[in-house]
């Protein structure tokens, strides 16, 4: 795991995991608690964290795409779209990022 911190691609994979976890918690725990139980505290707490991870993921994807010379139409757009879909970043990590 420590070796992942040494490269931009490794850091992107870690961000993908963290962003994916934050999206799942937000969508499947925080938002239902807000709407069904009237408790918005989880959304208030997790929303900014997820937002920061989301932006870091986007910027790092573009940075790694340039560094690795990814063709936008073949790889970069798929990695960018993954962060909008629950479980998407986990899929992208397995199918694309771990293969680079």
C-alpha atoms as a PDB file:
ATOM      1  CA  UNK A   1       0.000   0.000   0.000  1.00  0.00           C
ATOM      2  CA  UNK A   2       2.846   2.408   0.808  1.00  0.00           C
ATOM      3  CA  UNK A   3       4.179   2.084  -2.745  1.00  0.00           C
ATOM      4  CA  UNK A   4       0.968   3.681  -4.086  1.00  0.00           C
ATOM      5  CA  UNK A   5       1.931   7.033  -2.537  1.00  0.00           C
ATOM      6  CA  UNK A   6       5.110   7.256  -4.624  1.00  0.00           C
ATOM      7  CA  UNK A   7       3.533   7.947  -8.036  1.00  0.00           C
ATOM      8  CA  UNK A   8       0.782  10.194  -9.363  1.00  0.00           C
ATOM      9  CA  UNK A   9      -1.074   7.137 -10.627  1.00  0.00           C
ATOM     10  CA  UNK A  10      -0.833   5.510  -7.209  1.00  0.00           C
ATOM     11  CA  UNK A  11      -2.180   8.632  -5.527  1.00  0.00           C
ATOM     12  CA  UNK A  12      -5.013   8.731  -8.083  1.00  0.00           C
ATOM     13  CA  UNK A  13      -5.915   5.142  -7.185  1.00  0.00           C
ATOM     14  CA  UNK A  14      -6.043   6.075  -3.497  1.00  0.00           C
ATOM     15  CA  UNK A  15      -8.191   9.118  -4.296  1.00  0.00           C
ATOM     16  CA  UNK A  16     -10.485   6.920  -6.400  1.00  0.00           C
ATOM     17  CA  UNK A  17     -11.008   4.628  -3.423  1.00  0.00           C
ATOM     18  CA  UNK A  18     -11.621   7.488  -0.975  1.00  0.00           C
ATOM     19  CA  UNK A  19     -13.925   9.347  -3.383  1.00  0.00           C
ATOM     20  CA  UNK A  20     -15.860   6.163  -4.059  1.00  0.00           C
ATOM     21  CA  UNK A  21     -16.323   5.438  -0.348  1.00  0.00           C
ATOM     22  CA  UNK A  22     -17.428   9.018   0.349  1.00  0.00           C
ATOM     23  CA  UNK A  23     -19.969   8.879  -2.503  1.00  0.00           C
ATOM     24  CA  UNK A  24     -21.410   5.589  -1.244  1.00  0.00           C
ATOM     25  CA  UNK A  25     -21.744   6.895   2.314  1.00  0.00           C
ATOM     26  CA  UNK A  26     -23.316  10.105   1.042  1.00  0.00           C
ATOM     27  CA  UNK A  27     -25.801   8.393  -1.307  1.00  0.00           C
ATOM     28  CA  UNK A  28     -26.730   5.359   0.779  1.00  0.00           C
ATOM     29  CA  UNK A  29     -26.478   6.656   4.354  1.00  0.00           C
ATOM     30  CA  UNK A  30     -26.350  10.452   4.634  1.00  0.00           C
ATOM     31  CA  UNK A  31     -29.032  11.406   2.105  1.00  0.00           C
ATOM     32  CA  UNK A  32     -31.554   8.788   3.308  1.00  0.00           C
ATOM     33  CA  UNK A  33     -30.982   9.920   6.899  1.00  0.00           C
ATOM     34  CA  UNK A  34     -31.640  13.505   5.848  1.00  0.00           C
ATOM     35  CA  UNK A  35     -34.847  12.745   3.964  1.00  0.00           C
ATOM     36  CA  UNK A  36     -36.343   9.885   5.956  1.00  0.00           C
ATOM     37  CA  UNK A  37     -35.191  10.697   9.463  1.00  0.00           C
ATOM     38  CA  UNK A  38     -34.942  14.459   9.189  1.00  0.00           C
ATOM     39  CA  UNK A  39     -31.282  14.441  10.259  1.00  0.00           C
ATOM     40  CA  UNK A  40     -29.138  16.531   7.865  1.00  0.00           C
ATOM     41  CA  UNK A  41     -26.022  16.369  10.066  1.00  0.00           C
ATOM     42  CA  UNK A  42     -24.370  13.593   8.024  1.00  0.00           C
ATOM     43  CA  UNK A  43     -24.879  15.499   4.782  1.00  0.00           C
ATOM     44  CA  UNK A  44     -23.516  18.691   6.353  1.00  0.00           C
ATOM     45  CA  UNK A  45     -20.499  16.812   7.645  1.00  0.00           C
ATOM     46  CA  UNK A  46     -19.772  14.554   4.668  1.00  0.00           C
ATOM     47  CA  UNK A  47     -20.839  16.842   1.807  1.00  0.00           C
ATOM     48  CA  UNK A  48     -17.765  19.111   1.909  1.00  0.00           C
ATOM     49  CA  UNK A  49     -15.423  16.137   2.402  1.00  0.00           C
ATOM     50  CA  UNK A  50     -16.895  14.374  -0.617  1.00  0.00           C
ATOM     51  CA  UNK A  51     -16.770  17.610  -2.620  1.00  0.00           C
ATOM     52  CA  UNK A  52     -13.070  18.067  -1.873  1.00  0.00           C
ATOM     53  CA  UNK A  53     -12.293  14.432  -2.756  1.00  0.00           C
ATOM     54  CA  UNK A  54     -14.348  14.764  -5.943  1.00  0.00           C
ATOM     55  CA  UNK A  55     -12.378  17.837  -7.073  1.00  0.00           C
ATOM     56  CA  UNK A  56      -9.050  16.263  -6.145  1.00  0.00           C
ATOM     57  CA  UNK A  57     -10.011  13.177  -8.133  1.00  0.00           C
ATOM     58  CA  UNK A  58     -10.936  15.251 -11.201  1.00  0.00           C
ATOM     59  CA  UNK A  59      -7.761  17.353 -11.149  1.00  0.00           C
ATOM     60  CA  UNK A  60      -5.538  14.347 -10.486  1.00  0.00           C
ATOM     61  CA  UNK A  61      -7.191  12.371 -13.281  1.00  0.00           C
ATOM     62  CA  UNK A  62      -6.394  15.143 -15.728  1.00  0.00           C
ATOM     63  CA  UNK A  63      -2.826  15.407 -14.400  1.00  0.00           C
ATOM     64  CA  UNK A  64      -2.219  11.662 -14.660  1.00  0.00           C
ATOM     65  CA  UNK A  65      -3.859  11.601 -18.093  1.00  0.00           C
ATOM     66  CA  UNK A  66      -1.369  14.183 -19.354  1.00  0.00           C
ATOM     67  CA  UNK A  67       1.577  12.488 -17.643  1.00  0.00           C
ATOM     68  CA  UNK A  68       0.651   9.032 -18.945  1.00  0.00           C
ATOM     69  CA  UNK A  69      -0.347  10.435 -22.362  1.00  0.00           C
ATOM     70  CA  UNK A  70      -3.797   8.895 -22.171  1.00  0.00           C
ATOM     71  CA  UNK A  71      -5.982   9.450 -25.196  1.00  0.00           C
ATOM     72  CA  UNK A  72      -8.982  11.370 -23.899  1.00  0.00           C
ATOM     73  CA  UNK A  73     -11.504   9.442 -26.020  1.00  0.00           C
ATOM     74  CA  UNK A  74     -10.113   6.080 -24.898  1.00  0.00           C
ATOM     75  CA  UNK A  75      -9.254   6.402 -21.201  1.00  0.00           C
ATOM     76  CA  UNK A  76      -9.509   9.836 -19.570  1.00  0.00           C
ATOM     77  CA  UNK A  77     -13.234  10.381 -20.098  1.00  0.00           C
ATOM     78  CA  UNK A  78     -14.037   6.953 -18.629  1.00  0.00           C
ATOM     79  CA  UNK A  79     -12.028   7.702 -15.490  1.00  0.00           C
ATOM     80  CA  UNK A  80     -13.688  11.125 -15.147  1.00  0.00           C
ATOM     81  CA  UNK A  81     -17.219   9.728 -15.567  1.00  0.00           C
ATOM     82  CA  UNK A  82     -16.572   7.017 -12.958  1.00  0.00           C
ATOM     83  CA  UNK A  83     -16.700   9.472 -10.068  1.00  0.00           C
ATOM     84  CA  UNK A  84     -20.342  10.319 -10.870  1.00  0.00           C
ATOM     85  CA  UNK A  85     -21.522   6.702 -10.559  1.00  0.00           C
ATOM     86  CA  UNK A  86     -21.749   4.797  -7.277  1.00  0.00           C
ATOM     87  CA  UNK A  87     -19.125   2.011  -7.386  1.00  0.00           C
ATOM     88  CA  UNK A  88     -17.714   3.595 -10.576  1.00  0.00           C
ATOM     89  CA  UNK A  89     -14.320   4.457  -9.146  1.00  0.00           C
ATOM     90  CA  UNK A  90     -13.860   0.899  -7.875  1.00  0.00           C
ATOM     91  CA  UNK A  91     -14.662  -0.482 -11.324  1.00  0.00           C
ATOM     92  CA  UNK A  92     -12.317   1.987 -13.049  1.00  0.00           C
ATOM     93  CA  UNK A  93      -9.527   1.188 -10.614  1.00  0.00           C
ATOM     94  CA  UNK A  94      -9.807  -2.505 -11.384  1.00  0.00           C
ATOM     95  CA  UNK A  95     -10.293  -2.218 -15.161  1.00  0.00           C
ATOM     96  CA  UNK A  96      -8.061   0.744 -16.054  1.00  0.00           C
ATOM     97  CA  UNK A  97      -5.945   2.243 -13.277  1.00  0.00           C
ATOM     98  CA  UNK A  98      -4.424  -0.994 -12.010  1.00  0.00           C
ATOM     99  CA  UNK A  99      -3.452  -1.901 -15.603  1.00  0.00           C
ATOM    100  CA  UNK A 100      -1.481   1.308 -16.296  1.00  0.00           C
END
